Amino acid sequence: METIKQQAKEAILELIEKAELKKGQILVIGCSSSEIVGETIGHGSSLEAAEAFFEAIYPVLKEQGIYLAAQCCEHLNRALILERECAEQYGWEPVCVVPQPKAGGSFATTAWRRFDDPVAVEHIKAHAGLDVGGTLIGMHLKEVAVPVRLSVNKIGCANLLSARTRPKYIGGIRAKYE
């Protein structure tokens, strides 16, 4: 579990830097604990791996004032677990569900248990994302998603993909962009 914690902390710090995340912004994370421990997604859920991952990333995010949105698995239609404060700030309506390891996933369950005042919501538009083990977070990112290559490309046995977002370019050849 120490390797998982180390890889997770390195990845989150690098993503925050490369995505230029700021206080009050949202990072969506989909995490397959099954993939972390070398099993097929959805077939080897590990609360221990999810907890190790969460323990490594959450203090970093909290310290920097970045909200975590923990994506549930497809059994809960990829709903998200947030702090109520975040949902209220962004105007997202809570839904009634409590994730469990086999219905929501171990990572979302861990977030629910560790957040101060957790709520579930159906949809968000996050500023950046981290996909641990092929959990398909793209539906929860703002337009336009841009891949971010990290030096850490695995957490445990799980492949790691990340993205940041940027505003759309509009205006054609006469437009100027920053």
Protein backbone atom coordinates (compact mmCIF):
# COMPACT_ATOMS: atom_id res chain seq x y z
CA MET A 1 0.00 0.00 0.00
CA GLU A 2 2.95 2.35 0.51
CA THR A 3 3.79 2.17 -3.19
CA ILE A 4 0.19 3.06 -4.06
CA LYS A 5 0.33 6.03 -1.69
CA GLN A 6 3.63 7.24 -3.13
CA GLN A 7 2.50 6.91 -6.75
CA ALA A 8 -0.84 8.60 -5.99
CA LYS A 9 0.74 11.55 -4.19
CA GLU A 10 3.29 12.08 -6.98
CA ALA A 11 0.56 11.93 -9.63
CA ILE A 12 -1.78 14.33 -7.86
CA LEU A 13 0.95 16.90 -7.18
CA GLU A 14 2.11 16.78 -10.79
CA LEU A 15 -1.43 17.04 -12.16
CA ILE A 16 -2.24 20.04 -9.94
CA GLU A 17 0.88 21.77 -11.24
CA LYS A 18 0.47 20.90 -14.93
CA ALA A 19 -3.28 21.60 -14.98
CA GLU A 20 -2.72 24.83 -13.04
CA LEU A 21 -5.59 24.01 -10.70
CA LYS A 22 -6.67 26.81 -8.41
CA LYS A 23 -8.48 27.05 -5.11
CA GLY A 24 -12.20 26.35 -5.53
CA GLN A 25 -11.79 24.32 -8.72
CA ILE A 26 -12.83 20.68 -9.05
CA LEU A 27 -10.80 17.57 -9.79
CA VAL A 28 -12.86 14.53 -10.76
CA ILE A 29 -11.28 11.17 -10.02
CA GLY A 30 -12.49 7.80 -11.18
CA CYS A 31 -10.58 5.05 -9.43
CA SER A 32 -10.83 1.32 -9.98
CA SER A 33 -9.43 -0.30 -6.86
CA SER A 34 -9.76 -3.60 -8.73
CA GLU A 35 -7.31 -2.42 -11.39
CA ILE A 36 -4.93 -1.03 -8.74
CA VAL A 37 -4.59 -4.51 -7.22
CA GLY A 38 -4.21 -6.21 -10.60
CA GLU A 39 -7.77 -7.46 -11.11
CA THR A 40 -10.25 -6.62 -13.87
CA ILE A 41 -12.29 -3.48 -13.29
CA GLY A 42 -15.41 -4.31 -11.28
CA HIS A 43 -14.21 -7.78 -10.24
CA GLY A 44 -11.80 -7.30 -7.33
CA SER A 45 -12.87 -4.25 -5.36
CA SER A 46 -10.39 -3.41 -2.60
CA LEU A 47 -11.32 -1.00 0.18
CA GLU A 48 -7.71 -1.19 1.36
CA ALA A 49 -6.36 0.04 -2.01
CA ALA A 50 -9.07 2.73 -2.28
CA GLU A 51 -8.30 3.96 1.22
CA ALA A 52 -4.56 4.08 0.54
CA PHE A 53 -5.18 6.07 -2.65
CA PHE A 54 -7.60 8.45 -0.88
CA GLU A 55 -5.25 8.97 2.08
CA ALA A 56 -2.48 10.01 -0.30
CA ILE A 57 -4.44 12.49 -2.40
CA TYR A 58 -7.12 14.04 -0.22
CA PRO A 59 -4.89 15.96 2.21
CA VAL A 60 -3.04 17.48 -0.77
CA LEU A 61 -6.28 18.58 -2.44
CA LYS A 62 -7.77 19.89 0.80
CA GLU A 63 -4.62 21.85 1.62
CA GLN A 64 -4.77 23.58 -1.76
CA GLY A 65 -8.53 24.21 -1.59
CA ILE A 66 -9.30 21.99 -4.58
CA TYR A 67 -12.57 20.06 -4.44
CA LEU A 68 -12.52 16.31 -5.03
CA ALA A 69 -15.34 14.72 -7.00
CA ALA A 70 -15.17 10.93 -6.54
CA GLN A 71 -16.84 9.16 -9.45
CA CYS A 72 -18.97 6.12 -8.66
CA CYS A 73 -18.98 3.03 -10.87
CA GLU A 74 -21.54 2.33 -13.57
CA HIS A 75 -23.90 0.61 -11.09
CA LEU A 76 -24.69 4.12 -9.81
CA ASN A 77 -24.58 5.62 -13.33
CA ARG A 78 -21.21 7.22 -12.57
CA ALA A 79 -22.74 9.60 -10.03
CA LEU A 80 -20.26 11.69 -8.07
CA ILE A 81 -19.55 12.09 -4.39
CA LEU A 82 -18.74 15.65 -3.32
CA GLU A 83 -18.60 17.76 -0.22
CA ARG A 84 -21.99 19.48 0.15
CA GLU A 85 -20.19 22.85 0.11
CA CYS A 86 -18.91 22.14 -3.41
CA ALA A 87 -22.31 21.04 -4.70
CA GLU A 88 -23.93 24.17 -3.26
CA GLN A 89 -21.21 26.47 -4.62
CA TYR A 90 -21.70 25.11 -8.15
CA GLY A 91 -25.48 24.72 -7.92
CA TRP A 92 -25.62 20.94 -8.30
CA GLU A 93 -28.67 19.17 -6.92
CA PRO A 94 -27.97 16.24 -4.57
CA VAL A 95 -29.54 12.85 -5.26
CA CYS A 96 -30.37 10.12 -2.75
CA VAL A 97 -27.82 7.32 -2.80
CA VAL A 98 -25.00 6.08 -0.58
CA PRO A 99 -22.19 4.25 -2.42
CA GLN A 100 -21.11 0.79 -1.32
CA PRO A 101 -18.04 -1.18 -2.45
CA LYS A 102 -20.09 -3.30 -4.90
CA ALA A 103 -22.52 -0.50 -5.90
CA GLY A 104 -20.61 2.70 -6.36
CA GLY A 105 -17.12 1.36 -5.83
CA SER A 106 -14.57 1.32 -3.05
CA PHE A 107 -13.14 4.75 -3.87
CA ALA A 108 -16.52 6.53 -3.86
CA THR A 109 -17.42 4.63 -0.67
CA THR A 110 -14.19 5.78 0.95
CA ALA A 111 -14.85 9.39 -0.09
CA TRP A 112 -18.39 9.19 1.32
CA ARG A 113 -17.02 7.91 4.63
CA ARG A 114 -14.17 10.43 4.86
CA PHE A 115 -15.79 13.66 3.62
CA ASP A 116 -17.14 16.04 6.27
CA ASP A 117 -20.59 16.40 4.69
CA PRO A 118 -20.88 14.18 1.58
CA VAL A 119 -23.57 14.32 -1.07
CA ALA A 120 -24.08 12.49 -4.35
CA VAL A 121 -24.85 14.38 -7.56
CA GLU A 122 -25.53 13.10 -11.07
CA HIS A 123 -23.54 15.50 -13.24
CA ILE A 124 -20.70 17.99 -12.92
CA LYS A 125 -18.23 19.79 -15.14
CA ALA A 126 -14.79 19.50 -13.52
CA HIS A 127 -11.69 21.52 -14.32
CA ALA A 128 -9.39 18.48 -14.46
CA GLY A 129 -9.56 14.75 -14.06
CA LEU A 130 -7.64 11.65 -13.11
CA ASP A 131 -8.71 8.25 -14.43
CA VAL A 132 -7.21 5.34 -12.51
CA GLY A 133 -7.82 2.05 -14.27
CA GLY A 134 -10.08 3.01 -17.19
CA THR A 135 -13.09 4.39 -15.32
CA LEU A 136 -14.17 6.79 -18.11
CA ILE A 137 -14.32 10.22 -16.43
CA GLY A 138 -14.69 12.25 -19.64
CA MET A 139 -18.41 12.87 -19.19
CA HIS A 140 -17.63 14.90 -16.07
CA LEU A 141 -15.06 17.27 -17.57
CA LYS A 142 -15.67 20.78 -18.86
CA GLU A 143 -15.18 21.39 -22.57
CA VAL A 144 -12.43 21.26 -23.91
CA ALA A 145 -10.50 18.36 -22.32
CA VAL A 146 -6.76 18.29 -23.00
CA PRO A 147 -4.61 15.24 -22.14
CA VAL A 148 -1.95 15.77 -19.48
CA ARG A 149 1.00 13.39 -19.55
CA LEU A 150 2.34 12.62 -16.09
CA SER A 151 5.65 11.02 -15.18
CA VAL A 152 3.64 8.52 -13.11
CA ASN A 153 1.63 6.37 -15.54
CA LYS A 154 0.42 3.67 -13.14
CA ILE A 155 -0.91 3.43 -9.63
CA GLY A 156 -0.36 -0.12 -8.51
CA CYS A 157 -1.28 -2.14 -11.60
CA ALA A 158 -3.81 0.43 -12.89
CA ASN A 159 -3.12 2.59 -15.93
CA LEU A 160 -3.33 6.29 -15.22
CA LEU A 161 -4.73 8.95 -17.56
CA SER A 162 -5.25 12.60 -16.75
CA ALA A 163 -6.68 15.72 -18.33
CA ARG A 164 -7.10 19.41 -17.82
CA THR A 165 -9.65 21.64 -19.49
CA ARG A 166 -9.45 24.92 -21.37
CA PRO A 167 -11.97 27.36 -22.79
CA LYS A 168 -13.13 26.75 -26.38
CA TYR A 169 -11.28 28.57 -29.16
CA ILE A 170 -13.74 30.53 -31.30
CA GLY A 171 -13.43 33.28 -33.86
CA GLY A 172 -11.41 31.90 -36.74
CA ILE A 173 -8.13 33.21 -38.20
CA ARG A 174 -8.59 36.82 -37.06
CA ALA A 175 -9.07 35.88 -33.42
CA LYS A 176 -6.24 36.15 -30.91
CA TYR A 177 -5.77 33.66 -28.10
CA GLU A 178 -3.72 33.85 -24.95
